[in-house]
PDB file of N, CA and C in Angstrom:
ATOM      1  N   MET A   1      21.041  30.174 -18.279  1.00  0.00           N
ATOM      2  CA  MET A   1      19.816  29.531 -17.862  1.00  0.00           C
ATOM      3  C   MET A   1      20.123  28.664 -16.646  1.00  0.00           C
ATOM      4  N   THR A   2      19.401  28.905 -15.577  1.00  0.00           N
ATOM      5  CA  THR A   2      19.577  28.099 -14.382  1.00  0.00           C
ATOM      6  C   THR A   2      18.317  27.288 -14.150  1.00  0.00           C
ATOM      7  N   ALA A   3      18.510  26.108 -13.656  1.00  0.00           N
ATOM      8  CA  ALA A   3      17.385  25.219 -13.365  1.00  0.00           C
ATOM      9  C   ALA A   3      17.526  24.716 -11.943  1.00  0.00           C
ATOM     10  N   GLU A   4      16.392  24.513 -11.313  1.00  0.00           N
ATOM     11  CA  GLU A   4      16.422  24.027  -9.942  1.00  0.00           C
ATOM     12  C   GLU A   4      16.541  22.511  -9.868  1.00  0.00           C
ATOM     13  N   GLY A   5      16.229  21.816 -10.935  1.00  0.00           N
ATOM     14  CA  GLY A   5      16.295  20.361 -10.956  1.00  0.00           C
ATOM     15  C   GLY A   5      17.441  19.896 -11.828  1.00  0.00           C
ATOM     16  N   PRO A   6      17.525  18.598 -12.030  1.00  0.00           N
ATOM     17  CA  PRO A   6      18.583  18.082 -12.910  1.00  0.00           C
ATOM     18  C   PRO A   6      18.327  18.501 -14.357  1.00  0.00           C
ATOM     19  N   TRP A   7      19.397  18.673 -15.094  1.00  0.00           N
ATOM     20  CA  TRP A   7      19.278  19.103 -16.473  1.00  0.00           C
ATOM     21  C   TRP A   7      18.780  17.955 -17.331  1.00  0.00           C
ATOM     22  N   GLU A   8      17.809  18.231 -18.188  1.00  0.00           N
ATOM     23  CA  GLU A   8      17.262  17.220 -19.088  1.00  0.00           C
ATOM     24  C   GLU A   8      17.130  17.794 -20.490  1.00  0.00           C
ATOM     25  N   ILE A   9      17.187  16.900 -21.451  1.00  0.00           N
ATOM     26  CA  ILE A   9      16.965  17.302 -22.835  1.00  0.00           C
ATOM     27  C   ILE A   9      15.464  17.321 -23.072  1.00  0.00           C
ATOM     28  N   PRO A  10      14.917  18.441 -23.542  1.00  0.00           N
ATOM     29  CA  PRO A  10      13.470  18.477 -23.782  1.00  0.00           C
ATOM     30  C   PRO A  10      13.109  17.608 -24.986  1.00  0.00           C
ATOM     31  N   PRO A  11      11.886  17.061 -24.998  1.00  0.00           N
ATOM     32  CA  PRO A  11      11.488  16.253 -26.157  1.00  0.00           C
ATOM     33  C   PRO A  11      11.384  17.125 -27.403  1.00  0.00           C
ATOM     34  N   LEU A  12      11.805  16.589 -28.540  1.00  0.00           N
ATOM     35  CA  LEU A  12      11.821  17.361 -29.777  1.00  0.00           C
ATOM     36  C   LEU A  12      10.477  17.347 -30.486  1.00  0.00           C
ATOM     37  N   ASP A  13       9.652  16.352 -30.241  1.00  0.00           N
ATOM     38  CA  ASP A  13       8.401  16.237 -30.980  1.00  0.00           C
ATOM     39  C   ASP A  13       7.170  16.477 -30.107  1.00  0.00           C
ATOM     40  N   ASP A  14       7.341  17.122 -28.962  1.00  0.00           N
ATOM     41  CA  ASP A  14       6.251  17.399 -28.017  1.00  0.00           C
ATOM     42  C   ASP A  14       5.513  16.128 -27.609  1.00  0.00           C
ATOM     43  N   ALA A  15       6.232  15.008 -27.559  1.00  0.00           N
ATOM     44  CA  ALA A  15       5.634  13.743 -27.139  1.00  0.00           C
ATOM     45  C   ALA A  15       5.463  13.742 -25.620  1.00  0.00           C
ATOM     46  N   PRO A  16       4.453  13.049 -25.127  1.00  0.00           N
ATOM     47  CA  PRO A  16       4.290  12.980 -23.671  1.00  0.00           C
ATOM     48  C   PRO A  16       5.420  12.175 -23.045  1.00  0.00           C
ATOM     49  N   ASP A  17       5.726  12.511 -21.826  1.00  0.00           N
ATOM     50  CA  ASP A  17       6.792  11.824 -21.104  1.00  0.00           C
ATOM     51  C   ASP A  17       6.227  10.535 -20.527  1.00  0.00           C
ATOM     52  N   ILE A  18       6.513   9.421 -21.175  1.00  0.00           N
ATOM     53  CA  ILE A  18       5.981   8.143 -20.714  1.00  0.00           C
ATOM     54  C   ILE A  18       6.909   7.468 -19.707  1.00  0.00           C
ATOM     55  N   ALA A  19       8.090   8.018 -19.502  1.00  0.00           N
ATOM     56  CA  ALA A  19       9.017   7.426 -18.556  1.00  0.00           C
ATOM     57  C   ALA A  19       8.599   7.712 -17.114  1.00  0.00           C
ATOM     58  N   ARG A  20       7.924   8.829 -16.890  1.00  0.00           N
ATOM     59  CA  ARG A  20       7.499   9.205 -15.542  1.00  0.00           C
ATOM     60  C   ARG A  20       6.011   9.499 -15.552  1.00  0.00           C
ATOM     61  N   ALA A  21       5.228   8.457 -15.469  1.00  0.00           N
ATOM     62  CA  ALA A  21       3.775   8.618 -15.466  1.00  0.00           C
ATOM     63  C   ALA A  21       3.317   9.118 -14.094  1.00  0.00           C
ATOM     64  N   PRO A  22       2.297   9.970 -14.046  1.00  0.00           N
ATOM     65  CA  PRO A  22       1.858  10.509 -12.758  1.00  0.00           C
ATOM     66  C   PRO A  22       1.098   9.506 -11.893  1.00  0.00           C
ATOM     67  N   GLU A  23       0.492   8.486 -12.492  1.00  0.00           N
ATOM     68  CA  GLU A  23      -0.261   7.514 -11.696  1.00  0.00           C
ATOM     69  C   GLU A  23       0.683   6.474 -11.088  1.00  0.00           C
ATOM     70  N   PRO A  24       0.251   5.821 -10.011  1.00  0.00           N
ATOM     71  CA  PRO A  24       1.112   4.802  -9.387  1.00  0.00           C
ATOM     72  C   PRO A  24       1.424   3.664 -10.354  1.00  0.00           C
ATOM     73  N   GLN A  25       2.655   3.214 -10.306  1.00  0.00           N
ATOM     74  CA  GLN A  25       3.105   2.158 -11.201  1.00  0.00           C
ATOM     75  C   GLN A  25       2.787   0.780 -10.611  1.00  0.00           C
ATOM     76  N   PRO A  26       2.668  -0.252 -11.452  1.00  0.00           N
ATOM     77  CA  PRO A  26       2.412  -1.601 -10.931  1.00  0.00           C
ATOM     78  C   PRO A  26       3.555  -2.062 -10.029  1.00  0.00           C
ATOM     79  N   GLY A  27       3.198  -2.681  -8.928  1.00  0.00           N
ATOM     80  CA  GLY A  27       4.184  -3.199  -8.004  1.00  0.00           C
ATOM     81  C   GLY A  27       4.662  -2.211  -6.967  1.00  0.00           C
ATOM     82  N   ILE A  28       4.203  -0.968  -7.022  1.00  0.00           N
ATOM     83  CA  ILE A  28       4.670   0.028  -6.061  1.00  0.00           C
ATOM     84  C   ILE A  28       4.172  -0.294  -4.658  1.00  0.00           C
ATOM     85  N   THR A  29       3.007  -0.959  -4.554  1.00  0.00           N
ATOM     86  CA  THR A  29       2.480  -1.323  -3.242  1.00  0.00           C
ATOM     87  C   THR A  29       3.342  -2.399  -2.601  1.00  0.00           C
ATOM     88  N   LEU A  30       3.832  -3.350  -3.388  1.00  0.00           N
ATOM     89  CA  LEU A  30       4.705  -4.384  -2.844  1.00  0.00           C
ATOM     90  C   LEU A  30       6.079  -3.845  -2.483  1.00  0.00           C
ATOM     91  N   ALA A  31       6.555  -2.856  -3.221  1.00  0.00           N
ATOM     92  CA  ALA A  31       7.880  -2.315  -2.970  1.00  0.00           C
ATOM     93  C   ALA A  31       7.910  -1.436  -1.725  1.00  0.00           C
ATOM     94  N   ASP A  32       6.766  -0.933  -1.316  1.00  0.00           N
ATOM     95  CA  ASP A  32       6.705  -0.052  -0.159  1.00  0.00           C
ATOM     96  C   ASP A  32       6.748  -0.889   1.124  1.00  0.00           C
ATOM     97  N   ALA A  33       7.741  -0.688   1.940  1.00  0.00           N
ATOM     98  CA  ALA A  33       7.948  -1.528   3.127  1.00  0.00           C
ATOM     99  C   ALA A  33       6.872  -1.335   4.182  1.00  0.00           C
ATOM    100  N   ARG A  34       6.150  -0.241   4.150  1.00  0.00           N
ATOM    101  CA  ARG A  34       5.129  -0.043   5.181  1.00  0.00           C
ATOM    102  C   ARG A  34       3.954  -1.002   5.016  1.00  0.00           C
ATOM    103  N   ASN A  35       3.804  -1.632   3.864  1.00  0.00           N
ATOM    104  CA  ASN A  35       2.724  -2.593   3.637  1.00  0.00           C
ATOM    105  C   ASN A  35       3.118  -4.025   3.973  1.00  0.00           C
ATOM    106  N   TRP A  36       4.374  -4.285   4.246  1.00  0.00           N
ATOM    107  CA  TRP A  36       4.846  -5.650   4.449  1.00  0.00           C
ATOM    108  C   TRP A  36       4.183  -6.369   5.620  1.00  0.00           C
ATOM    109  N   PRO A  37       3.947  -5.732   6.781  1.00  0.00           N
ATOM    110  CA  PRO A  37       3.273  -6.471   7.856  1.00  0.00           C
ATOM    111  C   PRO A  37       1.888  -6.976   7.449  1.00  0.00           C
ATOM    112  N   GLY A  38       1.146  -6.176   6.698  1.00  0.00           N
ATOM    113  CA  GLY A  38      -0.163  -6.622   6.224  1.00  0.00           C
ATOM    114  C   GLY A  38      -0.054  -7.775   5.247  1.00  0.00           C
ATOM    115  N   PHE A  39       0.933  -7.731   4.358  1.00  0.00           N
ATOM    116  CA  PHE A  39       1.113  -8.812   3.404  1.00  0.00           C
ATOM    117  C   PHE A  39       1.562 -10.094   4.100  1.00  0.00           C
ATOM    118  N   VAL A  40       2.387  -9.962   5.140  1.00  0.00           N
ATOM    119  CA  VAL A  40       2.815 -11.139   5.902  1.00  0.00           C
ATOM    120  C   VAL A  40       1.606 -11.780   6.573  1.00  0.00           C
ATOM    121  N   LEU A  41       0.722 -10.974   7.152  1.00  0.00           N
ATOM    122  CA  LEU A  41      -0.484 -11.528   7.771  1.00  0.00           C
ATOM    123  C   LEU A  41      -1.391 -12.185   6.734  1.00  0.00           C
ATOM    124  N   LEU A  42      -1.468 -11.624   5.537  1.00  0.00           N
ATOM    125  CA  LEU A  42      -2.267 -12.255   4.480  1.00  0.00           C
ATOM    126  C   LEU A  42      -1.682 -13.609   4.081  1.00  0.00           C
ATOM    127  N   ILE A  43      -0.367 -13.690   3.997  1.00  0.00           N
ATOM    128  CA  ILE A  43       0.274 -14.965   3.656  1.00  0.00           C
ATOM    129  C   ILE A  43       0.058 -15.986   4.769  1.00  0.00           C
ATOM    130  N   ILE A  44       0.206 -15.531   6.018  1.00  0.00           N
ATOM    131  CA  ILE A  44      -0.030 -16.435   7.149  1.00  0.00           C
ATOM    132  C   ILE A  44      -1.474 -16.919   7.141  1.00  0.00           C
ATOM    133  N   GLY A  45      -2.417 -16.027   6.867  1.00  0.00           N
ATOM    134  CA  GLY A  45      -3.823 -16.421   6.805  1.00  0.00           C
ATOM    135  C   GLY A  45      -4.085 -17.445   5.717  1.00  0.00           C
ATOM    136  N   GLY A  46      -3.449 -17.278   4.571  1.00  0.00           N
ATOM    137  CA  GLY A  46      -3.611 -18.249   3.492  1.00  0.00           C
ATOM    138  C   GLY A  46      -3.029 -19.605   3.840  1.00  0.00           C
ATOM    139  N   LEU A  47      -1.839 -19.596   4.450  1.00  0.00           N
ATOM    140  CA  LEU A  47      -1.222 -20.867   4.827  1.00  0.00           C
ATOM    141  C   LEU A  47      -2.022 -21.591   5.908  1.00  0.00           C
ATOM    142  N   VAL A  48      -2.532 -20.843   6.877  1.00  0.00           N
ATOM    143  CA  VAL A  48      -3.333 -21.465   7.929  1.00  0.00           C
ATOM    144  C   VAL A  48      -4.655 -21.981   7.357  1.00  0.00           C
ATOM    145  N   ALA A  49      -5.209 -21.309   6.352  1.00  0.00           N
ATOM    146  CA  ALA A  49      -6.424 -21.816   5.708  1.00  0.00           C
ATOM    147  C   ALA A  49      -6.157 -23.138   4.996  1.00  0.00           C
ATOM    148  N   ILE A  50      -4.998 -23.254   4.357  1.00  0.00           N
ATOM    149  CA  ILE A  50      -4.635 -24.524   3.711  1.00  0.00           C
ATOM    150  C   ILE A  50      -4.475 -25.619   4.758  1.00  0.00           C
ATOM    151  N   ILE A  51      -3.827 -25.281   5.872  1.00  0.00           N
ATOM    152  CA  ILE A  51      -3.660 -26.260   6.954  1.00  0.00           C
ATOM    153  C   ILE A  51      -5.024 -26.674   7.503  1.00  0.00           C
ATOM    154  N   ALA A  52      -5.954 -25.715   7.634  1.00  0.00           N
ATOM    155  CA  ALA A  52      -7.301 -26.032   8.131  1.00  0.00           C
ATOM    156  C   ALA A  52      -8.017 -26.978   7.178  1.00  0.00           C
ATOM    157  N   ALA A  53      -7.844 -26.762   5.883  1.00  0.00           N
ATOM    158  CA  ALA A  53      -8.485 -27.643   4.908  1.00  0.00           C
ATOM    159  C   ALA A  53      -7.902 -29.051   4.977  1.00  0.00           C
ATOM    160  N   VAL A  54      -6.601 -29.159   5.150  1.00  0.00           N
ATOM    161  CA  VAL A  54      -5.965 -30.478   5.255  1.00  0.00           C
ATOM    162  C   VAL A  54      -6.422 -31.188   6.525  1.00  0.00           C
ATOM    163  N   ILE A  55      -6.479 -30.453   7.633  1.00  0.00           N
ATOM    164  CA  ILE A  55      -6.915 -31.051   8.893  1.00  0.00           C
ATOM    165  C   ILE A  55      -8.373 -31.496   8.798  1.00  0.00           C
ATOM    166  N   ALA A  56      -9.203 -30.712   8.121  1.00  0.00           N
ATOM    167  CA  ALA A  56     -10.604 -31.102   7.950  1.00  0.00           C
ATOM    168  C   ALA A  56     -10.717 -32.342   7.067  1.00  0.00           C
ATOM    169  N   ALA A  57      -9.856 -32.437   6.065  1.00  0.00           N
ATOM    170  CA  ALA A  57      -9.896 -33.612   5.183  1.00  0.00           C
ATOM    171  C   ALA A  57      -9.439 -34.879   5.897  1.00  0.00           C
ATOM    172  N   VAL A  58      -8.537 -34.726   6.852  1.00  0.00           N
ATOM    173  CA  VAL A  58      -8.046 -35.874   7.598  1.00  0.00           C
ATOM    174  C   VAL A  58      -9.121 -36.388   8.552  1.00  0.00           C
ATOM    175  N   GLY A  59      -9.951 -35.485   9.066  1.00  0.00           N
ATOM    176  CA  GLY A  59     -11.035 -35.943   9.921  1.00  0.00           C
ATOM    177  C   GLY A  59     -11.067 -35.346  11.307  1.00  0.00           C
ATOM    178  N   TYR A  60     -10.492 -34.177  11.510  1.00  0.00           N
ATOM    179  CA  TYR A  60     -10.529 -33.497  12.802  1.00  0.00           C
ATOM    180  C   TYR A  60     -11.292 -32.174  12.650  1.00  0.00           C
ATOM    181  N   PRO A  61     -12.612 -32.207  12.692  1.00  0.00           N
ATOM    182  CA  PRO A  61     -13.382 -30.982  12.418  1.00  0.00           C
ATOM    183  C   PRO A  61     -13.212 -29.900  13.483  1.00  0.00           C
ATOM    184  N   GLY A  62     -12.993 -30.254  14.734  1.00  0.00           N
ATOM    185  CA  GLY A  62     -12.819 -29.250  15.790  1.00  0.00           C
ATOM    186  C   GLY A  62     -11.556 -28.442  15.594  1.00  0.00           C
ATOM    187  N   ALA A  63     -10.463 -29.138  15.338  1.00  0.00           N
ATOM    188  CA  ALA A  63      -9.192 -28.450  15.114  1.00  0.00           C
ATOM    189  C   ALA A  63      -9.228 -27.644  13.815  1.00  0.00           C
ATOM    190  N   ALA A  64      -9.912 -28.180  12.810  1.00  0.00           N
ATOM    191  CA  ALA A  64     -10.022 -27.454  11.535  1.00  0.00           C
ATOM    192  C   ALA A  64     -10.799 -26.155  11.725  1.00  0.00           C
ATOM    193  N   PHE A  65     -11.821 -26.182  12.563  1.00  0.00           N
ATOM    194  CA  PHE A  65     -12.606 -24.978  12.826  1.00  0.00           C
ATOM    195  C   PHE A  65     -11.752 -23.912  13.511  1.00  0.00           C
ATOM    196  N   ILE A  66     -10.935 -24.339  14.473  1.00  0.00           N
ATOM    197  CA  ILE A  66     -10.061 -23.382  15.167  1.00  0.00           C
ATOM    198  C   ILE A  66      -9.039 -22.784  14.190  1.00  0.00           C
ATOM    199  N   PHE A  67      -8.447 -23.629  13.355  1.00  0.00           N
ATOM    200  CA  PHE A  67      -7.496 -23.127  12.363  1.00  0.00           C
ATOM    201  C   PHE A  67      -8.180 -22.193  11.363  1.00  0.00           C
ATOM    202  N   ALA A  68      -9.418 -22.492  11.010  1.00  0.00           N
ATOM    203  CA  ALA A  68     -10.156 -21.622  10.091  1.00  0.00           C
ATOM    204  C   ALA A  68     -10.419 -20.264  10.722  1.00  0.00           C
ATOM    205  N   LEU A  69     -10.738 -20.245  12.013  1.00  0.00           N
ATOM    206  CA  LEU A  69     -10.932 -18.956  12.697  1.00  0.00           C
ATOM    207  C   LEU A  69      -9.646 -18.151  12.738  1.00  0.00           C
ATOM    208  N   VAL A  70      -8.525 -18.823  12.987  1.00  0.00           N
ATOM    209  CA  VAL A  70      -7.231 -18.130  12.983  1.00  0.00           C
ATOM    210  C   VAL A  70      -6.920 -17.596  11.585  1.00  0.00           C
ATOM    211  N   ALA A  71      -7.229 -18.374  10.552  1.00  0.00           N
ATOM    212  CA  ALA A  71      -6.974 -17.937   9.177  1.00  0.00           C
ATOM    213  C   ALA A  71      -7.824 -16.722   8.836  1.00  0.00           C
ATOM    214  N   ILE A  72      -9.076 -16.728   9.247  1.00  0.00           N
ATOM    215  CA  ILE A  72      -9.952 -15.578   8.975  1.00  0.00           C
ATOM    216  C   ILE A  72      -9.455 -14.348   9.718  1.00  0.00           C
ATOM    217  N   ALA A  73      -9.070 -14.518  10.980  1.00  0.00           N
ATOM    218  CA  ALA A  73      -8.575 -13.374  11.761  1.00  0.00           C
ATOM    219  C   ALA A  73      -7.293 -12.801  11.156  1.00  0.00           C
ATOM    220  N   ALA A  74      -6.364 -13.659  10.749  1.00  0.00           N
ATOM    221  CA  ALA A  74      -5.110 -13.179  10.162  1.00  0.00           C
ATOM    222  C   ALA A  74      -5.357 -12.488   8.831  1.00  0.00           C
ATOM    223  N   SER A  75      -6.236 -13.047   8.023  1.00  0.00           N
ATOM    224  CA  SER A  75      -6.511 -12.441   6.719  1.00  0.00           C
ATOM    225  C   SER A  75      -7.204 -11.091   6.863  1.00  0.00           C
ATOM    226  N   LEU A  76      -8.195 -11.011   7.745  1.00  0.00           N
ATOM    227  CA  LEU A  76      -8.896  -9.739   7.932  1.00  0.00           C
ATOM    228  C   LEU A  76      -7.986  -8.670   8.532  1.00  0.00           C
ATOM    229  N   SER A  77      -7.136  -9.058   9.466  1.00  0.00           N
ATOM    230  CA  SER A  77      -6.218  -8.072  10.035  1.00  0.00           C
ATOM    231  C   SER A  77      -5.155  -7.652   9.011  1.00  0.00           C
ATOM    232  N   GLY A  78      -4.743  -8.560   8.132  1.00  0.00           N
ATOM    233  CA  GLY A  78      -3.807  -8.186   7.074  1.00  0.00           C
ATOM    234  C   GLY A  78      -4.414  -7.202   6.097  1.00  0.00           C
ATOM    235  N   VAL A  79      -5.654  -7.452   5.703  1.00  0.00           N
ATOM    236  CA  VAL A  79      -6.339  -6.516   4.806  1.00  0.00           C
ATOM    237  C   VAL A  79      -6.522  -5.167   5.490  1.00  0.00           C
ATOM    238  N   ALA A  80      -6.890  -5.199   6.773  1.00  0.00           N
ATOM    239  CA  ALA A  80      -7.077  -3.944   7.509  1.00  0.00           C
ATOM    240  C   ALA A  80      -5.770  -3.161   7.616  1.00  0.00           C
ATOM    241  N   LEU A  81      -4.659  -3.858   7.856  1.00  0.00           N
ATOM    242  CA  LEU A  81      -3.374  -3.165   7.935  1.00  0.00           C
ATOM    243  C   LEU A  81      -2.981  -2.517   6.609  1.00  0.00           C
ATOM    244  N   VAL A  82      -3.168  -3.239   5.527  1.00  0.00           N
ATOM    245  CA  VAL A  82      -2.816  -2.679   4.214  1.00  0.00           C
ATOM    246  C   VAL A  82      -3.686  -1.468   3.903  1.00  0.00           C
ATOM    247  N   LEU A  83      -4.985  -1.586   4.144  1.00  0.00           N
ATOM    248  CA  LEU A  83      -5.877  -0.456   3.882  1.00  0.00           C
ATOM    249  C   LEU A  83      -5.586   0.714   4.805  1.00  0.00           C
ATOM    250  N   PHE A  84      -5.284   0.435   6.061  1.00  0.00           N
ATOM    251  CA  PHE A  84      -4.963   1.495   7.011  1.00  0.00           C
ATOM    252  C   PHE A  84      -3.705   2.237   6.589  1.00  0.00           C
ATOM    253  N   GLU A  85      -2.694   1.517   6.152  1.00  0.00           N
ATOM    254  CA  GLU A  85      -1.455   2.164   5.724  1.00  0.00           C
ATOM    255  C   GLU A  85      -1.656   2.969   4.447  1.00  0.00           C
ATOM    256  N   ARG A  86      -2.467   2.463   3.535  1.00  0.00           N
ATOM    257  CA  ARG A  86      -2.721   3.213   2.305  1.00  0.00           C
ATOM    258  C   ARG A  86      -3.513   4.473   2.585  1.00  0.00           C
ATOM    259  N   ARG A  87      -4.461   4.392   3.518  1.00  0.00           N
ATOM    260  CA  ARG A  87      -5.286   5.548   3.837  1.00  0.00           C
ATOM    261  C   ARG A  87      -4.524   6.560   4.682  1.00  0.00           C
ATOM    262  N   GLY A  88      -3.640   6.092   5.535  1.00  0.00           N
ATOM    263  CA  GLY A  88      -2.933   6.978   6.446  1.00  0.00           C
ATOM    264  C   GLY A  88      -1.891   7.862   5.785  1.00  0.00           C
ATOM    265  N   HIS A  89      -1.442   7.543   4.600  1.00  0.00           N
ATOM    266  CA  HIS A  89      -0.393   8.331   3.954  1.00  0.00           C
ATOM    267  C   HIS A  89      -0.891   9.130   2.762  1.00  0.00           C
ATOM    268  N   ARG A  90      -2.198   9.290   2.637  1.00  0.00           N
ATOM    269  CA  ARG A  90      -2.744  10.140   1.584  1.00  0.00           C
ATOM    270  C   ARG A  90      -2.682  11.590   2.013  1.00  0.00           C
ATOM    271  N   PRO A  91      -2.451  12.495   1.077  1.00  0.00           N
ATOM    272  CA  PRO A  91      -2.549  13.909   1.452  1.00  0.00           C
ATOM    273  C   PRO A  91      -4.001  14.253   1.771  1.00  0.00           C
ATOM    274  N   GLN A  92      -4.197  14.920   2.865  1.00  0.00           N
ATOM    275  CA  GLN A  92      -5.554  15.227   3.297  1.00  0.00           C
ATOM    276  C   GLN A  92      -6.004  16.557   2.719  1.00  0.00           C
ATOM    277  N   ARG A  93      -7.278  16.579   2.354  1.00  0.00           N
ATOM    278  CA  ARG A  93      -7.837  17.828   1.847  1.00  0.00           C
ATOM    279  C   ARG A  93      -8.212  18.718   3.019  1.00  0.00           C
ATOM    280  N   GLY A  94      -8.095  19.996   2.807  1.00  0.00           N
ATOM    281  CA  GLY A  94      -8.519  20.944   3.818  1.00  0.00           C
ATOM    282  C   GLY A  94      -7.529  21.111   4.956  1.00  0.00           C
ATOM    283  N   THR A  95      -6.286  20.676   4.771  1.00  0.00           N
ATOM    284  CA  THR A  95      -5.309  20.864   5.837  1.00  0.00           C
ATOM    285  C   THR A  95      -4.896  22.320   5.871  1.00  0.00           C
ATOM    286  N   ARG A  96      -4.708  22.807   7.044  1.00  0.00           N
ATOM    287  CA  ARG A  96      -4.337  24.207   7.220  1.00  0.00           C
ATOM    288  C   ARG A  96      -2.837  24.322   7.393  1.00  0.00           C
ATOM    289  N   THR A  97      -2.313  25.463   7.007  1.00  0.00           N
ATOM    290  CA  THR A  97      -0.903  25.753   7.210  1.00  0.00           C
ATOM    291  C   THR A  97      -0.712  26.107   8.682  1.00  0.00           C
ATOM    292  N   PRO A  98       0.272  25.512   9.346  1.00  0.00           N
ATOM    293  CA  PRO A  98       0.512  25.872  10.743  1.00  0.00           C
ATOM    294  C   PRO A  98       0.807  27.365  10.870  1.00  0.00           C
ATOM    295  N   PRO A  99       0.461  27.980  12.000  1.00  0.00           N
ATOM    296  CA  PRO A  99       0.614  29.434  12.126  1.00  0.00           C
ATOM    297  C   PRO A  99       2.060  29.903  12.056  1.00  0.00           C
ATOM    298  N   TRP A 100       3.039  29.050  12.325  1.00  0.00           N
ATOM    299  CA  TRP A 100       4.422  29.489  12.281  1.00  0.00           C
ATOM    300  C   TRP A 100       5.001  29.468  10.864  1.00  0.00           C
ATOM    301  N   GLN A 101       4.260  28.911   9.884  1.00  0.00           N
ATOM    302  CA  GLN A 101       4.730  28.909   8.505  1.00  0.00           C
ATOM    303  C   GLN A 101       4.019  30.008   7.727  1.00  0.00           C
ATOM    304  N   PRO A 102       4.764  30.863   7.063  1.00  0.00           N
ATOM    305  CA  PRO A 102       4.112  31.950   6.320  1.00  0.00           C
ATOM    306  C   PRO A 102       3.402  31.409   5.082  1.00  0.00           C
ATOM    307  N   THR A 103       2.291  32.007   4.751  1.00  0.00           N
ATOM    308  CA  THR A 103       1.549  31.646   3.543  1.00  0.00           C
ATOM    309  C   THR A 103       1.898  32.671   2.465  1.00  0.00           C
ATOM    310  N   ILE A 104       2.433  32.190   1.363  1.00  0.00           N
ATOM    311  CA  ILE A 104       2.830  33.078   0.281  1.00  0.00           C
ATOM    312  C   ILE A 104       1.805  32.939  -0.825  1.00  0.00           C
ATOM    313  N   PRO A 105       1.163  34.040  -1.215  1.00  0.00           N
ATOM    314  CA  PRO A 105       0.163  33.937  -2.284  1.00  0.00           C
ATOM    315  C   PRO A 105       0.835  33.653  -3.619  1.00  0.00           C
ATOM    316  N   PRO A 106       0.118  32.978  -4.550  1.00  0.00           N
ATOM    317  CA  PRO A 106       0.706  32.704  -5.858  1.00  0.00           C
ATOM    318  C   PRO A 106       1.015  33.981  -6.618  1.00  0.00           C
ATOM    319  N   GLY A 107       2.144  33.987  -7.276  1.00  0.00           N
ATOM    320  CA  GLY A 107       2.558  35.124  -8.079  1.00  0.00           C
ATOM    321  C   GLY A 107       3.264  36.199  -7.280  1.00  0.00           C
ATOM    322  N   ALA A 108       3.530  35.958  -6.027  1.00  0.00           N
ATOM    323  CA  ALA A 108       4.185  36.981  -5.216  1.00  0.00           C
ATOM    324  C   ALA A 108       5.680  36.909  -5.325  1.00  0.00           C
TER     325      ALA A 108
END
C-alpha cells in the first residue's frame, strides 16, 4: 500500500477528526503576517484616540480635534487594510485554467 501523504493510523470508531477542522481556527488572523500592518494601524488609531481624549480633557479642543481626525484616519485605514488582505487571498470563483496548463477531466 502506497500513500501520497504521511502515514496515519485510521480512527477505529469512525469518529470525526477533530484535530484538523476544516474551518479557520481562532487566532489564525493574528498569526498571519499579512494582516500585521492593518493591526498596527488599528493600535495606532486607538492610542491616538486616547491621546485626543486626554488633550480634550486638559482643555485644548483644537489639538484634540486634530488628534481625533488622525485617530479616525488610522483606524479606518487599518480596517481597510485587514479587509483588503482577507479579500485578496480568497480563491476566486469562475477562474479559468491558463491555456498552457492541460485540463484533465475527472476519472481520466
